[in-house]
C-alpha atoms as a PDB file:
ATOM      1  CA  MET A   1      -7.216  10.036 -14.214  1.00  0.00           C
ATOM      2  CA  LYS A   2     -11.044  10.237 -14.528  1.00  0.00           C
ATOM      3  CA  LEU A   3     -12.885   8.764 -11.630  1.00  0.00           C
ATOM      4  CA  VAL A   4     -16.304   7.068 -11.906  1.00  0.00           C
ATOM      5  CA  THR A   5     -18.586   6.795  -8.943  1.00  0.00           C
ATOM      6  CA  VAL A   6     -19.711   3.268  -8.264  1.00  0.00           C
ATOM      7  CA  ASP A   7     -22.568   1.751  -6.295  1.00  0.00           C
ATOM      8  CA  SER A   8     -20.726   0.027  -3.339  1.00  0.00           C
ATOM      9  CA  SER A   9     -20.861   0.047   0.480  1.00  0.00           C
ATOM     10  CA  MET A  10     -16.975  -0.090   0.363  1.00  0.00           C
ATOM     11  CA  ILE A  11     -15.910   1.921  -2.683  1.00  0.00           C
ATOM     12  CA  HIS A  12     -16.859   5.483  -3.595  1.00  0.00           C
ATOM     13  CA  ALA A  13     -15.095   5.804  -6.968  1.00  0.00           C
ATOM     14  CA  VAL A  14     -12.565   4.104  -9.249  1.00  0.00           C
ATOM     15  CA  GLY A  15     -10.351   5.249 -12.155  1.00  0.00           C
ATOM     16  CA  TYR A  16      -8.059   3.372 -14.467  1.00  0.00           C
ATOM     17  CA  ASP A  17      -5.133   4.338 -16.646  1.00  0.00           C
ATOM     18  CA  ALA A  18      -4.539   1.585 -19.214  1.00  0.00           C
ATOM     19  CA  GLU A  19      -1.259   3.070 -20.374  1.00  0.00           C
ATOM     20  CA  THR A  20       0.326   2.740 -16.937  1.00  0.00           C
ATOM     21  CA  GLN A  21      -1.970  -0.113 -15.686  1.00  0.00           C
ATOM     22  CA  THR A  22      -2.745   2.024 -12.592  1.00  0.00           C
ATOM     23  CA  LEU A  23      -6.055   1.579 -10.709  1.00  0.00           C
ATOM     24  CA  GLU A  24      -7.148   4.403  -8.484  1.00  0.00           C
ATOM     25  CA  VAL A  25      -9.708   3.507  -5.708  1.00  0.00           C
ATOM     26  CA  VAL A  26     -11.407   6.033  -3.414  1.00  0.00           C
ATOM     27  CA  PHE A  27     -12.893   4.103  -0.515  1.00  0.00           C
ATOM     28  CA  ASN A  28     -15.903   5.323   1.334  1.00  0.00           C
ATOM     29  CA  THR A  29     -13.615   6.222   4.228  1.00  0.00           C
ATOM     30  CA  GLY A  30     -12.120   8.924   2.078  1.00  0.00           C
ATOM     31  CA  ARG A  31      -8.786   7.054   1.652  1.00  0.00           C
ATOM     32  CA  THR A  32      -7.430   6.815  -1.868  1.00  0.00           C
ATOM     33  CA  TYR A  33      -5.012   4.073  -3.084  1.00  0.00           C
ATOM     34  CA  LEU A  34      -3.215   3.641  -6.278  1.00  0.00           C
ATOM     35  CA  TYR A  35      -2.757  -0.005  -7.334  1.00  0.00           C
ATOM     36  CA  ARG A  36       0.124  -0.584  -9.862  1.00  0.00           C
ATOM     37  CA  ASN A  37       0.518  -3.272 -12.604  1.00  0.00           C
ATOM     38  CA  VAL A  38      -3.191  -4.033 -12.667  1.00  0.00           C
ATOM     39  CA  PRO A  39      -4.111  -5.542 -16.145  1.00  0.00           C
ATOM     40  CA  PRO A  40      -7.081  -4.161 -17.969  1.00  0.00           C
ATOM     41  CA  GLU A  41      -9.017  -7.387 -17.488  1.00  0.00           C
ATOM     42  CA  GLU A  42      -8.852  -6.873 -13.773  1.00  0.00           C
ATOM     43  CA  PHE A  43     -10.330  -3.398 -14.090  1.00  0.00           C
ATOM     44  CA  ASP A  44     -13.081  -4.687 -16.305  1.00  0.00           C
ATOM     45  CA  GLY A  45     -13.831  -7.471 -13.840  1.00  0.00           C
ATOM     46  CA  LEU A  46     -14.107  -5.003 -10.968  1.00  0.00           C
ATOM     47  CA  MET A  47     -16.475  -2.784 -13.024  1.00  0.00           C
ATOM     48  CA  ALA A  48     -18.613  -5.774 -13.933  1.00  0.00           C
ATOM     49  CA  ALA A  49     -18.634  -7.253 -10.458  1.00  0.00           C
ATOM     50  CA  GLU A  50     -22.017  -7.250  -8.615  1.00  0.00           C
ATOM     51  CA  SER A  51     -20.096  -6.613  -5.374  1.00  0.00           C
ATOM     52  CA  LYS A  52     -17.125  -4.292  -6.031  1.00  0.00           C
ATOM     53  CA  GLY A  53     -15.946  -4.751  -2.465  1.00  0.00           C
ATOM     54  CA  ARG A  54     -15.875  -8.483  -2.641  1.00  0.00           C
ATOM     55  CA  TYR A  55     -14.107  -8.259  -5.973  1.00  0.00           C
ATOM     56  CA  MET A  56     -11.469  -5.858  -4.498  1.00  0.00           C
ATOM     57  CA  ARG A  57     -10.743  -8.082  -1.529  1.00  0.00           C
ATOM     58  CA  ALA A  58     -10.513 -11.254  -3.700  1.00  0.00           C
ATOM     59  CA  ASN A  59      -8.619 -10.002  -6.738  1.00  0.00           C
ATOM     60  CA  ILE A  60      -6.882  -6.701  -6.040  1.00  0.00           C
ATOM     61  CA  ILE A  61      -6.133  -5.944  -2.403  1.00  0.00           C
ATOM     62  CA  ASP A  62      -2.783  -7.571  -1.391  1.00  0.00           C
ATOM     63  CA  MET A  63      -2.387  -8.912  -5.025  1.00  0.00           C
ATOM     64  CA  TYR A  64      -0.895  -5.741  -6.559  1.00  0.00           C
ATOM     65  CA  PRO A  65       1.629  -3.239  -5.284  1.00  0.00           C
ATOM     66  CA  TYR A  66      -0.151  -0.100  -3.945  1.00  0.00           C
ATOM     67  CA  SER A  67       0.375   3.099  -2.239  1.00  0.00           C
ATOM     68  CA  GLN A  68      -1.910   5.409  -0.408  1.00  0.00           C
ATOM     69  CA  VAL A  69      -2.265   9.006  -1.745  1.00  0.00           C
ATOM     70  CA  SER A  70      -3.634  12.035   0.060  1.00  0.00           C
ATOM     71  CA  ALA A  71      -7.487  11.814   0.583  1.00  0.00           C
ATOM     72  CA  ARG A  72      -9.712  13.171  -2.143  1.00  0.00           C
ATOM     73  CA  ARG A  73     -12.795  15.060  -1.466  1.00  0.00           C
ATOM     74  CA  ARG A  74     -15.810  12.988  -2.197  1.00  0.00           C
ATOM     75  CA  ARG A  75     -17.964  14.605  -4.925  1.00  0.00           C
END
């Protein structure tokens, strides 16, 4: 999954696989999470949000099943 760096105090990068509806989020802490069953509209909303962290907290965190994956190196 290709990750895109975003301007956020909470999130370093995000990626999305429309086929599997999987959202990958690399937080500034270095922790990486995969959120499953995330519709494309939700990813579009995240990318368009003025505050990515606020959008994550309101619309994605604790709303979709997730798992933590091994930390990625920040690039």
